[in-house]
Amino acid sequence: MDKDCTIYKTTNFIGKRWTLLILLELYRGKQKQKRYSQLKNNLPGITPKILSVRLKELEKEELIIKKIDTNIFPIKCEYSLTKSGEDFIKIIKDIKKWALRWKTKNTICRNADCRECIL
């Protein structure tokens, strides 16, 4: 496959471990912006280095935006989904629908909207 192929380029970053879960974590709940520590606490098993690297990659791909508030100490950084990132959540929901139908019989994960998920 050609490295300039759209599918190749897209799967190159979304196929990395933790990427989809980070996007989903930014989507979940009522809070639109989340701090690094919130993401770290809500993604058990992710290392600080991997979280930092994935956040930078997602920011570079314009799926998330990082807002830095230097008016307070310590400096406050918050991450949120861009319009592109919000649109990508639809794809994650489609993956979930497919998995529930064809692959996993997870009774816990029957909530149609991942934003309302409390797990």
N, C-alpha and C. Protein backbone atom coordinates (compact mmCIF):
# COMPACT_ATOMS: atom_id res chain seq x y z
N MET A 1 0.85 -1.18 0.00
CA MET A 1 0.00 0.00 0.00
C MET A 1 0.89 1.24 0.00
N ASP A 2 0.49 2.21 -0.75
CA ASP A 2 1.24 3.47 -0.86
C ASP A 2 1.12 4.27 0.43
N LYS A 3 2.22 4.80 0.91
CA LYS A 3 2.23 5.57 2.16
C LYS A 3 1.48 6.89 2.04
N ASP A 4 1.18 7.32 0.82
CA ASP A 4 0.40 8.55 0.62
C ASP A 4 -1.10 8.28 0.57
N CYS A 5 -1.48 7.01 0.65
CA CYS A 5 -2.90 6.63 0.63
C CYS A 5 -3.60 7.20 1.87
N THR A 6 -4.78 7.73 1.67
CA THR A 6 -5.55 8.32 2.76
C THR A 6 -5.80 7.31 3.88
N ILE A 7 -6.17 6.09 3.53
CA ILE A 7 -6.42 5.05 4.53
C ILE A 7 -5.15 4.72 5.30
N TYR A 8 -4.04 4.61 4.59
CA TYR A 8 -2.75 4.32 5.24
C TYR A 8 -2.41 5.41 6.26
N LYS A 9 -2.51 6.65 5.83
CA LYS A 9 -2.17 7.77 6.72
C LYS A 9 -3.10 7.83 7.93
N THR A 10 -4.39 7.63 7.70
CA THR A 10 -5.37 7.72 8.79
C THR A 10 -5.19 6.59 9.79
N THR A 11 -5.06 5.36 9.30
CA THR A 11 -4.90 4.24 10.23
C THR A 11 -3.56 4.29 10.94
N ASN A 12 -2.61 4.99 10.37
CA ASN A 12 -1.30 5.11 11.01
C ASN A 12 -1.40 5.81 12.37
N PHE A 13 -2.28 6.78 12.51
CA PHE A 13 -2.40 7.43 13.82
C PHE A 13 -3.58 6.94 14.64
N ILE A 14 -4.71 6.61 14.02
CA ILE A 14 -5.85 6.16 14.84
C ILE A 14 -5.69 4.71 15.29
N GLY A 15 -4.84 3.97 14.62
CA GLY A 15 -4.63 2.57 14.99
C GLY A 15 -3.68 2.38 16.15
N LYS A 16 -3.09 3.44 16.64
CA LYS A 16 -2.15 3.32 17.75
C LYS A 16 -2.91 3.09 19.05
N ARG A 17 -2.31 2.27 19.90
CA ARG A 17 -2.93 1.94 21.17
C ARG A 17 -3.25 3.21 21.97
N TRP A 18 -4.41 3.26 22.58
CA TRP A 18 -4.92 4.32 23.44
C TRP A 18 -5.54 5.49 22.68
N THR A 19 -5.29 5.64 21.41
CA THR A 19 -5.79 6.81 20.67
C THR A 19 -7.31 6.92 20.74
N LEU A 20 -8.02 5.86 20.40
CA LEU A 20 -9.48 5.91 20.41
C LEU A 20 -10.03 6.09 21.82
N LEU A 21 -9.37 5.48 22.80
CA LEU A 21 -9.82 5.60 24.18
C LEU A 21 -9.62 7.01 24.71
N ILE A 22 -8.56 7.67 24.31
CA ILE A 22 -8.35 9.07 24.71
C ILE A 22 -9.44 9.96 24.12
N LEU A 23 -9.73 9.76 22.85
CA LEU A 23 -10.80 10.55 22.21
C LEU A 23 -12.14 10.30 22.92
N LEU A 24 -12.42 9.04 23.20
CA LEU A 24 -13.67 8.70 23.88
C LEU A 24 -13.72 9.29 25.28
N GLU A 25 -12.60 9.30 25.97
CA GLU A 25 -12.56 9.89 27.32
C GLU A 25 -12.81 11.40 27.28
N LEU A 26 -12.31 12.07 26.25
CA LEU A 26 -12.57 13.50 26.10
C LEU A 26 -14.04 13.76 25.78
N TYR A 27 -14.69 12.81 25.17
CA TYR A 27 -16.11 12.93 24.82
C TYR A 27 -17.03 12.65 26.01
N ARG A 28 -16.65 11.69 26.83
CA ARG A 28 -17.49 11.22 27.94
C ARG A 28 -17.78 12.31 28.96
N GLY A 29 -18.98 12.23 29.52
CA GLY A 29 -19.36 13.12 30.60
C GLY A 29 -19.84 14.49 30.13
N LYS A 30 -20.18 15.31 31.09
CA LYS A 30 -20.71 16.64 30.78
C LYS A 30 -19.62 17.66 30.57
N GLN A 31 -18.45 17.39 31.11
CA GLN A 31 -17.34 18.33 31.04
C GLN A 31 -16.71 18.28 29.64
N LYS A 32 -16.68 19.41 28.97
CA LYS A 32 -16.14 19.47 27.60
C LYS A 32 -14.62 19.50 27.58
N GLN A 33 -14.00 20.04 28.64
CA GLN A 33 -12.54 20.14 28.71
C GLN A 33 -12.05 19.30 29.88
N LYS A 34 -10.93 18.62 29.66
CA LYS A 34 -10.37 17.80 30.72
C LYS A 34 -8.88 18.04 30.83
N ARG A 35 -8.42 17.99 32.06
CA ARG A 35 -6.99 18.16 32.34
C ARG A 35 -6.27 16.84 32.14
N TYR A 36 -4.96 16.94 31.98
CA TYR A 36 -4.11 15.76 31.80
C TYR A 36 -4.35 14.77 32.94
N SER A 37 -4.39 15.25 34.17
CA SER A 37 -4.56 14.37 35.33
C SER A 37 -5.90 13.63 35.30
N GLN A 38 -6.94 14.28 34.81
CA GLN A 38 -8.24 13.61 34.69
C GLN A 38 -8.17 12.49 33.67
N LEU A 39 -7.53 12.76 32.54
CA LEU A 39 -7.38 11.73 31.51
C LEU A 39 -6.57 10.57 32.06
N LYS A 40 -5.47 10.87 32.72
CA LYS A 40 -4.60 9.82 33.28
C LYS A 40 -5.36 8.96 34.27
N ASN A 41 -6.13 9.59 35.15
CA ASN A 41 -6.89 8.86 36.17
C ASN A 41 -8.01 8.01 35.58
N ASN A 42 -8.59 8.45 34.47
CA ASN A 42 -9.71 7.74 33.86
C ASN A 42 -9.29 6.71 32.81
N LEU A 43 -7.99 6.60 32.57
CA LEU A 43 -7.48 5.62 31.62
C LEU A 43 -6.47 4.71 32.34
N PRO A 44 -6.97 3.80 33.18
CA PRO A 44 -6.05 2.95 33.94
C PRO A 44 -5.15 2.14 33.01
N GLY A 45 -3.89 2.12 33.34
CA GLY A 45 -2.94 1.34 32.55
C GLY A 45 -2.12 2.16 31.57
N ILE A 46 -2.58 3.36 31.25
CA ILE A 46 -1.81 4.19 30.32
C ILE A 46 -0.64 4.82 31.09
N THR A 47 0.51 4.85 30.45
CA THR A 47 1.67 5.47 31.09
C THR A 47 1.66 6.98 30.81
N PRO A 48 2.27 7.76 31.68
CA PRO A 48 2.32 9.20 31.45
C PRO A 48 2.98 9.55 30.11
N LYS A 49 4.02 8.82 29.74
CA LYS A 49 4.71 9.09 28.48
C LYS A 49 3.79 8.84 27.28
N ILE A 50 3.11 7.71 27.28
CA ILE A 50 2.22 7.39 26.16
C ILE A 50 1.08 8.40 26.09
N LEU A 51 0.52 8.78 27.22
CA LEU A 51 -0.56 9.77 27.20
C LEU A 51 -0.06 11.08 26.61
N SER A 52 1.11 11.53 27.02
CA SER A 52 1.67 12.78 26.48
C SER A 52 1.91 12.69 24.98
N VAL A 53 2.47 11.57 24.54
CA VAL A 53 2.75 11.39 23.11
C VAL A 53 1.46 11.37 22.31
N ARG A 54 0.46 10.60 22.78
CA ARG A 54 -0.81 10.51 22.04
C ARG A 54 -1.53 11.85 22.00
N LEU A 55 -1.50 12.60 23.10
CA LEU A 55 -2.14 13.92 23.09
C LEU A 55 -1.48 14.84 22.07
N LYS A 56 -0.17 14.80 21.98
CA LYS A 56 0.54 15.62 20.99
C LYS A 56 0.18 15.18 19.57
N GLU A 57 0.08 13.87 19.34
CA GLU A 57 -0.29 13.37 18.01
C GLU A 57 -1.71 13.79 17.64
N LEU A 58 -2.62 13.67 18.59
CA LEU A 58 -4.01 14.05 18.32
C LEU A 58 -4.15 15.55 18.09
N GLU A 59 -3.34 16.32 18.78
CA GLU A 59 -3.34 17.77 18.57
C GLU A 59 -2.78 18.09 17.19
N LYS A 60 -1.72 17.41 16.80
CA LYS A 60 -1.12 17.63 15.47
C LYS A 60 -2.12 17.28 14.36
N GLU A 61 -2.91 16.23 14.58
CA GLU A 61 -3.91 15.81 13.59
C GLU A 61 -5.19 16.64 13.67
N GLU A 62 -5.22 17.59 14.60
CA GLU A 62 -6.34 18.51 14.80
C GLU A 62 -7.63 17.83 15.21
N LEU A 63 -7.50 16.73 15.97
CA LEU A 63 -8.66 16.07 16.55
C LEU A 63 -8.95 16.61 17.95
N ILE A 64 -7.92 17.16 18.58
CA ILE A 64 -8.09 17.80 19.89
C ILE A 64 -7.38 19.14 19.89
N ILE A 65 -7.74 19.94 20.87
CA ILE A 65 -7.08 21.23 21.05
C ILE A 65 -6.62 21.32 22.50
N LYS A 66 -5.46 21.92 22.68
CA LYS A 66 -4.90 22.12 24.02
C LYS A 66 -5.01 23.60 24.35
N LYS A 67 -5.65 23.89 25.48
CA LYS A 67 -5.81 25.26 25.94
C LYS A 67 -4.93 25.44 27.17
N ILE A 68 -4.07 26.45 27.14
CA ILE A 68 -3.15 26.70 28.24
C ILE A 68 -3.54 28.01 28.92
N ASP A 69 -3.75 27.94 30.23
CA ASP A 69 -4.08 29.13 31.02
C ASP A 69 -2.87 29.47 31.87
N THR A 70 -2.16 30.54 31.47
CA THR A 70 -0.95 30.96 32.18
C THR A 70 -1.24 32.02 33.24
N ASN A 71 -2.51 32.35 33.41
CA ASN A 71 -2.89 33.36 34.40
C ASN A 71 -2.89 32.83 35.82
N ILE A 72 -2.80 31.53 35.97
CA ILE A 72 -2.80 30.94 37.31
C ILE A 72 -1.55 30.10 37.49
N PHE A 73 -1.24 29.82 38.74
CA PHE A 73 -0.10 28.94 39.03
C PHE A 73 -0.60 27.80 39.89
N PRO A 74 -0.29 26.58 39.59
CA PRO A 74 0.48 26.16 38.42
C PRO A 74 -0.32 26.37 37.12
N ILE A 75 0.42 26.44 36.04
CA ILE A 75 -0.21 26.62 34.73
C ILE A 75 -1.21 25.50 34.49
N LYS A 76 -2.36 25.86 33.97
CA LYS A 76 -3.44 24.91 33.76
C LYS A 76 -3.58 24.61 32.27
N CYS A 77 -3.51 23.32 31.92
CA CYS A 77 -3.70 22.88 30.54
C CYS A 77 -4.96 22.02 30.48
N GLU A 78 -5.80 22.29 29.51
CA GLU A 78 -7.00 21.50 29.31
C GLU A 78 -7.10 21.08 27.85
N TYR A 79 -7.63 19.89 27.67
CA TYR A 79 -7.79 19.32 26.34
C TYR A 79 -9.27 19.16 26.03
N SER A 80 -9.62 19.38 24.77
CA SER A 80 -11.00 19.17 24.34
C SER A 80 -11.00 18.74 22.88
N LEU A 81 -12.13 18.18 22.46
CA LEU A 81 -12.27 17.75 21.07
C LEU A 81 -12.50 18.95 20.16
N THR A 82 -11.94 18.88 18.97
CA THR A 82 -12.25 19.86 17.93
C THR A 82 -13.51 19.38 17.21
N LYS A 83 -13.99 20.14 16.26
CA LYS A 83 -15.13 19.70 15.45
C LYS A 83 -14.80 18.39 14.75
N SER A 84 -13.57 18.28 14.26
CA SER A 84 -13.12 17.05 13.61
C SER A 84 -13.13 15.89 14.60
N GLY A 85 -12.68 16.14 15.82
CA GLY A 85 -12.68 15.10 16.85
C GLY A 85 -14.08 14.68 17.23
N GLU A 86 -14.98 15.65 17.35
CA GLU A 86 -16.38 15.34 17.66
C GLU A 86 -17.00 14.51 16.55
N ASP A 87 -16.66 14.82 15.32
CA ASP A 87 -17.17 14.07 14.18
C ASP A 87 -16.62 12.63 14.20
N PHE A 88 -15.38 12.49 14.64
CA PHE A 88 -14.77 11.17 14.69
C PHE A 88 -15.44 10.28 15.74
N ILE A 89 -16.03 10.88 16.77
CA ILE A 89 -16.73 10.11 17.79
C ILE A 89 -17.84 9.28 17.15
N LYS A 90 -18.45 9.79 16.09
CA LYS A 90 -19.49 9.03 15.39
C LYS A 90 -18.94 7.70 14.88
N ILE A 91 -17.69 7.72 14.42
CA ILE A 91 -17.05 6.49 13.93
C ILE A 91 -16.82 5.53 15.08
N ILE A 92 -16.39 6.05 16.22
CA ILE A 92 -16.19 5.20 17.40
C ILE A 92 -17.51 4.57 17.82
N LYS A 93 -18.60 5.34 17.77
CA LYS A 93 -19.91 4.80 18.11
C LYS A 93 -20.32 3.71 17.13
N ASP A 94 -20.00 3.89 15.85
CA ASP A 94 -20.30 2.86 14.86
C ASP A 94 -19.50 1.58 15.13
N ILE A 95 -18.25 1.73 15.55
CA ILE A 95 -17.44 0.56 15.92
C ILE A 95 -18.09 -0.16 17.09
N LYS A 96 -18.59 0.60 18.05
CA LYS A 96 -19.25 0.01 19.22
C LYS A 96 -20.50 -0.77 18.78
N LYS A 97 -21.31 -0.16 17.92
CA LYS A 97 -22.53 -0.84 17.44
C LYS A 97 -22.17 -2.14 16.74
N TRP A 98 -21.15 -2.11 15.91
CA TRP A 98 -20.71 -3.30 15.20
C TRP A 98 -20.25 -4.37 16.18
N ALA A 99 -19.44 -3.97 17.16
CA ALA A 99 -18.91 -4.92 18.14
C ALA A 99 -20.02 -5.55 18.97
N LEU A 100 -20.99 -4.74 19.38
CA LEU A 100 -22.10 -5.29 20.16
C LEU A 100 -22.94 -6.25 19.33
N ARG A 101 -23.05 -5.98 18.06
CA ARG A 101 -23.85 -6.86 17.20
C ARG A 101 -23.11 -8.13 16.81
N TRP A 102 -21.82 -8.01 16.48
CA TRP A 102 -21.12 -9.13 15.90
C TRP A 102 -20.03 -9.78 16.76
N LYS A 103 -19.45 -9.03 17.67
CA LYS A 103 -18.27 -9.57 18.35
C LYS A 103 -18.39 -9.71 19.86
N THR A 104 -18.87 -8.72 20.55
CA THR A 104 -18.88 -8.80 22.00
C THR A 104 -20.30 -8.73 22.53
N LYS A 105 -20.56 -9.54 23.50
CA LYS A 105 -21.87 -9.54 24.16
C LYS A 105 -21.68 -8.93 25.54
N ASN A 106 -21.44 -7.65 25.58
CA ASN A 106 -21.13 -6.94 26.81
C ASN A 106 -22.40 -6.27 27.32
N THR A 107 -23.02 -6.87 28.32
CA THR A 107 -24.28 -6.32 28.83
C THR A 107 -24.07 -4.98 29.54
N ILE A 108 -22.87 -4.73 30.05
CA ILE A 108 -22.58 -3.45 30.70
C ILE A 108 -22.61 -2.33 29.67
N CYS A 109 -22.17 -2.60 28.48
CA CYS A 109 -21.98 -1.58 27.45
C CYS A 109 -23.18 -1.51 26.50
N ARG A 110 -24.34 -1.30 27.04
CA ARG A 110 -25.54 -1.20 26.20
C ARG A 110 -26.02 0.23 26.04
N ASN A 111 -25.35 1.17 26.68
CA ASN A 111 -25.74 2.58 26.59
C ASN A 111 -25.46 3.07 25.17
N ALA A 112 -26.46 3.57 24.50
CA ALA A 112 -26.31 4.00 23.12
C ALA A 112 -25.36 5.18 22.97
N ASP A 113 -25.29 6.04 23.98
CA ASP A 113 -24.45 7.21 23.89
C ASP A 113 -23.30 7.10 24.89
N CYS A 114 -22.09 7.01 24.38
CA CYS A 114 -20.91 6.86 25.24
C CYS A 114 -20.72 8.06 26.17
N ARG A 115 -21.29 9.20 25.84
CA ARG A 115 -21.14 10.38 26.69
C ARG A 115 -21.74 10.11 28.07
N GLU A 116 -22.78 9.30 28.12
CA GLU A 116 -23.48 9.01 29.38
C GLU A 116 -22.85 7.85 30.15
N CYS A 117 -21.87 7.21 29.58
CA CYS A 117 -21.23 6.06 30.22
C CYS A 117 -20.52 6.51 31.50
N ILE A 118 -20.77 5.79 32.57
CA ILE A 118 -20.15 6.13 33.84
C ILE A 118 -19.03 5.16 34.20
N LEU A 119 -18.77 4.20 33.36
CA LEU A 119 -17.71 3.23 33.63
C LEU A 119 -16.36 3.79 33.33
